[in-house]
Amino acid sequence: MIELADVSKVYRTTHGDVRAVDDVTLAINAGEFVALKGHSGSGKSTLLALLGGLALPSAGSVAVAGHDVGKLSSSERARFREENVGFVFQMFHLLPYLNVLDNVLVAAPAAARAASREYAKQLLSGFGMEERVSHRPNQLSVGERQRVAMARALLNRPKLLLADEPTGNLDEKNAEALLDFLGGFHREGGTIVLATHDDRAAERAERIIELSSGKLVSPAGSLS
């Protein structure tokens, strides 16, 4: 499912080069639930961005679901994300001027938006949000906003979920609910890569991989 070979990502700044990911080689099988752990600045978010085609490697190759992501054009990467990847972020990234249903439909390709509408409603119902589809994000609780973000991530039936500190803004009850949703996706055969410093979240994974200063602490990771 995922193969990284000698991958580095370097950002150029006014204070010099920052090597956010440093010579990482890693394989993740289809259907695995992997947690990336490390302190802030360890490279977790950058690695997720590389897997999702939101960033391109400075060196090495990133292969996901049979695609060499670094060799895709901008439009090809957009299609790759639509067809393969769902994203769950700590900050939710909901659009304040859209209601709940339309925030989910943002993930749908323009040509498929009408066809996706009923499935979006089904997802929201599954998350207990059927009575909130017309509400704006500022009318929702934090936990409800995260459920909307999860529904959006699942809309295109992705093979891979990339979750970046998804429990960071949640209380214990809502964090557990989110992790249960991720567990359900995994049980149905989905692949998850979860970046977190939350031990509760990492313990849900089958394998824990630690990063420090952009490097893998243990190349093979460890069983949770």
C-alpha atoms as a PDB file:
ATOM      1  CA  MET A   1       0.000   0.000   0.000  1.00  0.00           C
ATOM      2  CA  ILE A   2       2.719   2.490   1.037  1.00  0.00           C
ATOM      3  CA  GLU A   3       6.425   2.367   0.226  1.00  0.00           C
ATOM      4  CA  LEU A   4       8.848   5.155   1.060  1.00  0.00           C
ATOM      5  CA  ALA A   5      12.422   4.781  -0.166  1.00  0.00           C
ATOM      6  CA  ASP A   6      15.156   7.123   1.129  1.00  0.00           C
ATOM      7  CA  VAL A   7      12.665   9.978   1.437  1.00  0.00           C
ATOM      8  CA  SER A   8      13.732  13.430   2.601  1.00  0.00           C
ATOM      9  CA  LYS A   9      11.850  16.709   2.671  1.00  0.00           C
ATOM     10  CA  VAL A  10      13.857  19.910   3.004  1.00  0.00           C
ATOM     11  CA  TYR A  11      12.321  23.348   3.494  1.00  0.00           C
ATOM     12  CA  ARG A  12      14.445  26.377   2.659  1.00  0.00           C
ATOM     13  CA  THR A  13      14.113  29.235   5.150  1.00  0.00           C
ATOM     14  CA  THR A  14      15.871  32.532   5.741  1.00  0.00           C
ATOM     15  CA  HIS A  15      17.713  30.823   8.598  1.00  0.00           C
ATOM     16  CA  GLY A  16      18.894  27.902   6.466  1.00  0.00           C
ATOM     17  CA  ASP A  17      17.558  24.558   5.339  1.00  0.00           C
ATOM     18  CA  VAL A  18      15.203  22.608   7.595  1.00  0.00           C
ATOM     19  CA  ARG A  19      15.230  18.841   7.035  1.00  0.00           C
ATOM     20  CA  ALA A  20      11.704  17.961   8.169  1.00  0.00           C
ATOM     21  CA  VAL A  21      11.948  14.346   6.987  1.00  0.00           C
ATOM     22  CA  ASP A  22      15.393  12.815   6.804  1.00  0.00           C
ATOM     23  CA  ASP A  23      16.150   9.707   4.712  1.00  0.00           C
ATOM     24  CA  VAL A  24      13.076   7.677   5.704  1.00  0.00           C
ATOM     25  CA  THR A  25      12.518   4.189   4.293  1.00  0.00           C
ATOM     26  CA  LEU A  26       9.258   2.589   5.357  1.00  0.00           C
ATOM     27  CA  ALA A  27       6.606   0.118   4.178  1.00  0.00           C
ATOM     28  CA  ILE A  28       2.997  -0.032   5.366  1.00  0.00           C
ATOM     29  CA  ASN A  29       0.730  -2.844   4.235  1.00  0.00           C
ATOM     30  CA  ALA A  30      -2.828  -2.434   3.011  1.00  0.00           C
ATOM     31  CA  GLY A  31      -5.214  -2.729   5.952  1.00  0.00           C
ATOM     32  CA  GLU A  32      -2.640  -1.740   8.594  1.00  0.00           C
ATOM     33  CA  PHE A  33      -3.302   0.774  11.363  1.00  0.00           C
ATOM     34  CA  VAL A  34      -0.025   2.574  12.047  1.00  0.00           C
ATOM     35  CA  ALA A  35       0.640   5.342  14.560  1.00  0.00           C
ATOM     36  CA  LEU A  36       3.442   7.859  14.066  1.00  0.00           C
ATOM     37  CA  LYS A  37       4.681   9.187  17.389  1.00  0.00           C
ATOM     38  CA  GLY A  38       7.119  11.949  18.179  1.00  0.00           C
ATOM     39  CA  HIS A  39       7.428  15.365  19.734  1.00  0.00           C
ATOM     40  CA  SER A  40       6.346  18.529  17.936  1.00  0.00           C
ATOM     41  CA  GLY A  41       8.738  19.115  15.058  1.00  0.00           C
ATOM     42  CA  SER A  42       9.653  15.446  14.718  1.00  0.00           C
ATOM     43  CA  GLY A  43       8.346  15.284  11.133  1.00  0.00           C
ATOM     44  CA  LYS A  44       5.003  13.509  11.667  1.00  0.00           C
ATOM     45  CA  SER A  45       2.835  16.058   9.861  1.00  0.00           C
ATOM     46  CA  THR A  46       5.307  16.443   7.006  1.00  0.00           C
ATOM     47  CA  LEU A  47       5.364  12.684   6.514  1.00  0.00           C
ATOM     48  CA  LEU A  48       1.554  12.628   6.319  1.00  0.00           C
ATOM     49  CA  ALA A  49       1.650  15.480   3.804  1.00  0.00           C
ATOM     50  CA  LEU A  50       4.039  13.461   1.655  1.00  0.00           C
ATOM     51  CA  LEU A  51       1.804  10.384   1.816  1.00  0.00           C
ATOM     52  CA  GLY A  52      -1.219  12.432   0.785  1.00  0.00           C
ATOM     53  CA  GLY A  53       0.478  14.276  -2.044  1.00  0.00           C
ATOM     54  CA  LEU A  54       0.147  17.618  -0.260  1.00  0.00           C
ATOM     55  CA  ALA A  55       3.946  17.930  -0.321  1.00  0.00           C
ATOM     56  CA  LEU A  56       6.558  16.509  -2.679  1.00  0.00           C
ATOM     57  CA  PRO A  57       9.761  14.803  -1.532  1.00  0.00           C
ATOM     58  CA  SER A  58      13.048  16.624  -1.955  1.00  0.00           C
ATOM     59  CA  ALA A  59      14.712  13.230  -2.435  1.00  0.00           C
ATOM     60  CA  GLY A  60      13.603   9.602  -2.618  1.00  0.00           C
ATOM     61  CA  SER A  61      10.289   8.132  -3.716  1.00  0.00           C
ATOM     62  CA  VAL A  62       6.812   7.954  -2.187  1.00  0.00           C
ATOM     63  CA  ALA A  63       4.554   5.224  -3.579  1.00  0.00           C
ATOM     64  CA  VAL A  64       0.949   4.988  -2.381  1.00  0.00           C
ATOM     65  CA  ALA A  65      -1.675   2.599  -3.798  1.00  0.00           C
ATOM     66  CA  GLY A  66       0.440   2.002  -6.881  1.00  0.00           C
ATOM     67  CA  HIS A  67       1.130   5.694  -7.560  1.00  0.00           C
ATOM     68  CA  ASP A  68       4.577   7.299  -7.467  1.00  0.00           C
ATOM     69  CA  VAL A  69       3.237  10.460  -5.835  1.00  0.00           C
ATOM     70  CA  GLY A  70       6.311  12.569  -6.507  1.00  0.00           C
ATOM     71  CA  LYS A  71       5.991  12.033 -10.262  1.00  0.00           C
ATOM     72  CA  LEU A  72       2.344  13.080 -10.528  1.00  0.00           C
ATOM     73  CA  SER A  73       1.356  16.472 -11.884  1.00  0.00           C
ATOM     74  CA  SER A  74      -0.674  18.822  -9.713  1.00  0.00           C
ATOM     75  CA  SER A  75      -3.951  17.741 -11.342  1.00  0.00           C
ATOM     76  CA  GLU A  76      -2.967  14.067 -11.112  1.00  0.00           C
ATOM     77  CA  ARG A  77      -2.219  14.459  -7.400  1.00  0.00           C
ATOM     78  CA  ALA A  78      -5.643  16.039  -6.884  1.00  0.00           C
ATOM     79  CA  ARG A  79      -7.287  13.049  -8.556  1.00  0.00           C
ATOM     80  CA  PHE A  80      -5.077  10.659  -6.576  1.00  0.00           C
ATOM     81  CA  ARG A  81      -6.310  12.248  -3.344  1.00  0.00           C
ATOM     82  CA  GLU A  82      -9.950  12.140  -4.451  1.00  0.00           C
ATOM     83  CA  GLU A  83      -9.712   8.459  -5.320  1.00  0.00           C
ATOM     84  CA  ASN A  84      -7.483   7.138  -2.541  1.00  0.00           C
ATOM     85  CA  VAL A  85      -7.034   9.369   0.499  1.00  0.00           C
ATOM     86  CA  GLY A  86      -9.156  10.817   3.298  1.00  0.00           C
ATOM     87  CA  PHE A  87      -7.719  13.459   5.646  1.00  0.00           C
ATOM     88  CA  VAL A  88      -8.627  14.085   9.285  1.00  0.00           C
ATOM     89  CA  PHE A  89      -7.037  17.146  10.913  1.00  0.00           C
ATOM     90  CA  GLN A  90      -6.807  18.464  14.447  1.00  0.00           C
ATOM     91  CA  MET A  91      -8.307  21.831  13.433  1.00  0.00           C
ATOM     92  CA  PHE A  92     -11.192  20.278  11.408  1.00  0.00           C
ATOM     93  CA  HIS A  93     -10.875  22.826   8.534  1.00  0.00           C
ATOM     94  CA  LEU A  94     -14.617  23.252   8.120  1.00  0.00           C
ATOM     95  CA  LEU A  95     -15.770  26.194   5.999  1.00  0.00           C
ATOM     96  CA  PRO A  96     -17.704  28.609   8.245  1.00  0.00           C
ATOM     97  CA  TYR A  97     -20.053  29.847   5.508  1.00  0.00           C
ATOM     98  CA  LEU A  98     -21.253  26.333   4.541  1.00  0.00           C
ATOM     99  CA  ASN A  99     -23.688  24.134   6.420  1.00  0.00           C
ATOM    100  CA  VAL A 100     -22.778  20.651   7.666  1.00  0.00           C
ATOM    101  CA  LEU A 101     -23.934  18.805   4.550  1.00  0.00           C
ATOM    102  CA  ASP A 102     -22.137  21.142   2.163  1.00  0.00           C
ATOM    103  CA  ASN A 103     -18.963  20.931   4.266  1.00  0.00           C
ATOM    104  CA  VAL A 104     -18.972  17.178   3.712  1.00  0.00           C
ATOM    105  CA  LEU A 105     -19.707  17.569   0.000  1.00  0.00           C
ATOM    106  CA  VAL A 106     -16.633  19.800  -0.404  1.00  0.00           C
ATOM    107  CA  ALA A 107     -14.647  16.553  -0.712  1.00  0.00           C
ATOM    108  CA  ALA A 108     -16.697  15.306  -3.678  1.00  0.00           C
ATOM    109  CA  PRO A 109     -15.420  15.820  -7.226  1.00  0.00           C
ATOM    110  CA  ALA A 110     -17.517  18.508  -8.909  1.00  0.00           C
ATOM    111  CA  ALA A 111     -18.949  16.056 -11.450  1.00  0.00           C
ATOM    112  CA  ALA A 112     -20.022  13.657  -8.695  1.00  0.00           C
ATOM    113  CA  ARG A 113     -21.413  16.128  -6.173  1.00  0.00           C
ATOM    114  CA  ALA A 114     -25.091  15.398  -6.875  1.00  0.00           C
ATOM    115  CA  ALA A 115     -24.506  11.638  -6.734  1.00  0.00           C
ATOM    116  CA  SER A 116     -22.537  12.017  -3.486  1.00  0.00           C
ATOM    117  CA  ARG A 117     -25.311  13.911  -1.705  1.00  0.00           C
ATOM    118  CA  GLU A 118     -27.256  10.868  -0.466  1.00  0.00           C
ATOM    119  CA  TYR A 119     -24.103   9.099   0.685  1.00  0.00           C
ATOM    120  CA  ALA A 120     -23.057  12.237   2.577  1.00  0.00           C
ATOM    121  CA  LYS A 121     -26.415  12.189   4.364  1.00  0.00           C
ATOM    122  CA  GLN A 122     -25.926   8.488   5.204  1.00  0.00           C
ATOM    123  CA  LEU A 123     -22.492   9.183   6.684  1.00  0.00           C
ATOM    124  CA  LEU A 124     -23.797  12.071   8.757  1.00  0.00           C
ATOM    125  CA  SER A 125     -26.652   9.906  10.002  1.00  0.00           C
ATOM    126  CA  GLY A 126     -24.139   7.218  10.977  1.00  0.00           C
ATOM    127  CA  PHE A 127     -22.304   9.855  13.020  1.00  0.00           C
ATOM    128  CA  GLY A 128     -25.535  10.941  14.706  1.00  0.00           C
ATOM    129  CA  MET A 129     -25.628  14.243  12.834  1.00  0.00           C
ATOM    130  CA  GLU A 130     -28.829  13.807  10.811  1.00  0.00           C
ATOM    131  CA  GLU A 131     -30.547  16.625  12.744  1.00  0.00           C
ATOM    132  CA  ARG A 132     -27.636  19.012  12.193  1.00  0.00           C
ATOM    133  CA  VAL A 133     -27.177  18.936   8.402  1.00  0.00           C
ATOM    134  CA  SER A 134     -28.386  22.529   7.984  1.00  0.00           C
ATOM    135  CA  HIS A 135     -26.294  23.952  10.830  1.00  0.00           C
ATOM    136  CA  ARG A 136     -23.132  26.014  10.341  1.00  0.00           C
ATOM    137  CA  PRO A 137     -19.887  24.998  12.082  1.00  0.00           C
ATOM    138  CA  ASN A 138     -20.227  27.757  14.701  1.00  0.00           C
ATOM    139  CA  GLN A 139     -23.491  26.145  15.819  1.00  0.00           C
ATOM    140  CA  LEU A 140     -21.786  22.816  16.562  1.00  0.00           C
ATOM    141  CA  SER A 141     -19.870  21.481  19.537  1.00  0.00           C
ATOM    142  CA  VAL A 142     -16.214  20.546  19.131  1.00  0.00           C
ATOM    143  CA  GLY A 143     -17.112  16.853  19.003  1.00  0.00           C
ATOM    144  CA  GLU A 144     -19.780  17.470  16.365  1.00  0.00           C
ATOM    145  CA  ARG A 145     -17.325  19.397  14.213  1.00  0.00           C
ATOM    146  CA  GLN A 146     -14.896  16.501  14.364  1.00  0.00           C
ATOM    147  CA  ARG A 147     -17.670  14.097  13.284  1.00  0.00           C
ATOM    148  CA  VAL A 148     -18.424  16.292  10.289  1.00  0.00           C
ATOM    149  CA  ALA A 149     -14.720  16.259   9.420  1.00  0.00           C
ATOM    150  CA  MET A 150     -14.714  12.456   9.650  1.00  0.00           C
ATOM    151  CA  ALA A 151     -17.751  12.207   7.359  1.00  0.00           C
ATOM    152  CA  ARG A 152     -15.985  14.452   4.845  1.00  0.00           C
ATOM    153  CA  ALA A 153     -12.867  12.276   5.014  1.00  0.00           C
ATOM    154  CA  LEU A 154     -14.920   9.151   4.287  1.00  0.00           C
ATOM    155  CA  LEU A 155     -17.100  10.585   1.511  1.00  0.00           C
ATOM    156  CA  ASN A 156     -15.049   9.272  -1.405  1.00  0.00           C
ATOM    157  CA  ARG A 157     -14.641   5.817   0.186  1.00  0.00           C
ATOM    158  CA  PRO A 158     -10.859   6.195   0.568  1.00  0.00           C
ATOM    159  CA  LYS A 159      -8.425   3.305   0.800  1.00  0.00           C
ATOM    160  CA  LEU A 160      -6.197   5.322   3.145  1.00  0.00           C
ATOM    161  CA  LEU A 161      -7.017   7.636   6.052  1.00  0.00           C
ATOM    162  CA  LEU A 162      -4.349  10.107   7.147  1.00  0.00           C
ATOM    163  CA  ALA A 163      -5.121  11.519  10.593  1.00  0.00           C
ATOM    164  CA  ASP A 164      -3.003  14.372  11.972  1.00  0.00           C
ATOM    165  CA  GLU A 165      -3.430  14.769  15.754  1.00  0.00           C
ATOM    166  CA  PRO A 166      -7.207  14.226  15.396  1.00  0.00           C
ATOM    167  CA  THR A 167      -7.794  13.976  19.167  1.00  0.00           C
ATOM    168  CA  GLY A 168      -5.761  17.079  20.014  1.00  0.00           C
ATOM    169  CA  ASN A 169      -8.760  19.383  20.491  1.00  0.00           C
ATOM    170  CA  LEU A 170     -11.160  16.793  21.927  1.00  0.00           C
ATOM    171  CA  ASP A 171     -12.120  15.892  25.472  1.00  0.00           C
ATOM    172  CA  GLU A 172     -11.756  12.271  26.561  1.00  0.00           C
ATOM    173  CA  LYS A 173     -15.292  11.239  25.602  1.00  0.00           C
ATOM    174  CA  ASN A 174     -15.127  12.713  22.098  1.00  0.00           C
ATOM    175  CA  ALA A 175     -11.576  11.443  21.599  1.00  0.00           C
ATOM    176  CA  GLU A 176     -12.699   7.898  22.380  1.00  0.00           C
ATOM    177  CA  ALA A 177     -15.644   8.261  19.994  1.00  0.00           C
ATOM    178  CA  LEU A 178     -13.330   9.429  17.204  1.00  0.00           C
ATOM    179  CA  LEU A 179     -10.923   6.544  17.825  1.00  0.00           C
ATOM    180  CA  ASP A 180     -13.880   4.148  17.689  1.00  0.00           C
ATOM    181  CA  PHE A 181     -14.809   5.570  14.272  1.00  0.00           C
ATOM    182  CA  LEU A 182     -11.221   5.065  13.081  1.00  0.00           C
ATOM    183  CA  GLY A 183     -11.330   1.517  14.430  1.00  0.00           C
ATOM    184  CA  GLY A 184     -14.468   0.822  12.425  1.00  0.00           C
ATOM    185  CA  PHE A 185     -12.810   2.038   9.228  1.00  0.00           C
ATOM    186  CA  HIS A 186      -9.835  -0.209   9.986  1.00  0.00           C
ATOM    187  CA  ARG A 187     -11.999  -3.269  10.673  1.00  0.00           C
ATOM    188  CA  GLU A 188     -13.608  -2.815   7.270  1.00  0.00           C
ATOM    189  CA  GLY A 189     -10.171  -3.114   5.635  1.00  0.00           C
ATOM    190  CA  GLY A 190      -9.067   0.506   5.477  1.00  0.00           C
ATOM    191  CA  THR A 191      -5.473   1.591   6.010  1.00  0.00           C
ATOM    192  CA  ILE A 192      -4.786   4.270   8.633  1.00  0.00           C
ATOM    193  CA  VAL A 193      -1.697   6.342   9.352  1.00  0.00           C
ATOM    194  CA  LEU A 194      -2.243   8.346  12.518  1.00  0.00           C
ATOM    195  CA  ALA A 195       0.167  11.060  13.667  1.00  0.00           C
ATOM    196  CA  THR A 196      -0.184  11.619  17.394  1.00  0.00           C
ATOM    197  CA  HIS A 197       1.571  12.295  20.680  1.00  0.00           C
ATOM    198  CA  ASP A 198      -1.483  10.929  22.535  1.00  0.00           C
ATOM    199  CA  ASP A 199      -0.714   7.532  24.065  1.00  0.00           C
ATOM    200  CA  ARG A 200      -4.429   6.632  24.097  1.00  0.00           C
ATOM    201  CA  ALA A 201      -4.640   7.131  20.369  1.00  0.00           C
ATOM    202  CA  ALA A 202      -1.380   5.331  19.609  1.00  0.00           C
ATOM    203  CA  GLU A 203      -2.490   2.306  21.609  1.00  0.00           C
ATOM    204  CA  ARG A 204      -5.309   1.714  19.107  1.00  0.00           C
ATOM    205  CA  ALA A 205      -2.764   1.084  16.340  1.00  0.00           C
ATOM    206  CA  GLU A 206      -1.277  -2.262  15.359  1.00  0.00           C
ATOM    207  CA  ARG A 207       2.167  -0.739  14.933  1.00  0.00           C
ATOM    208  CA  ILE A 208       3.829   2.317  16.442  1.00  0.00           C
ATOM    209  CA  ILE A 209       6.619   4.095  14.560  1.00  0.00           C
ATOM    210  CA  GLU A 210       8.599   6.786  16.340  1.00  0.00           C
ATOM    211  CA  LEU A 211      10.124   9.821  14.666  1.00  0.00           C
ATOM    212  CA  SER A 212      12.752  12.185  16.014  1.00  0.00           C
ATOM    213  CA  SER A 213      14.183  15.138  14.081  1.00  0.00           C
ATOM    214  CA  GLY A 214      12.749  13.724  10.860  1.00  0.00           C
ATOM    215  CA  LYS A 215      14.333  10.303  11.267  1.00  0.00           C
ATOM    216  CA  LEU A 216      12.816   6.953  12.174  1.00  0.00           C
ATOM    217  CA  VAL A 217      13.866   5.931  15.671  1.00  0.00           C
ATOM    218  CA  SER A 218      13.168   2.300  14.776  1.00  0.00           C
ATOM    219  CA  PRO A 219      12.925   1.481  11.057  1.00  0.00           C
ATOM    220  CA  ALA A 220      10.617  -1.472  11.607  1.00  0.00           C
ATOM    221  CA  GLY A 221       8.395   0.233  14.160  1.00  0.00           C
ATOM    222  CA  SER A 222       7.051  -1.689  17.094  1.00  0.00           C
ATOM    223  CA  LEU A 223       3.940  -3.655  17.840  1.00  0.00           C
ATOM    224  CA  SER A 224       1.493  -1.860  20.098  1.00  0.00           C
END
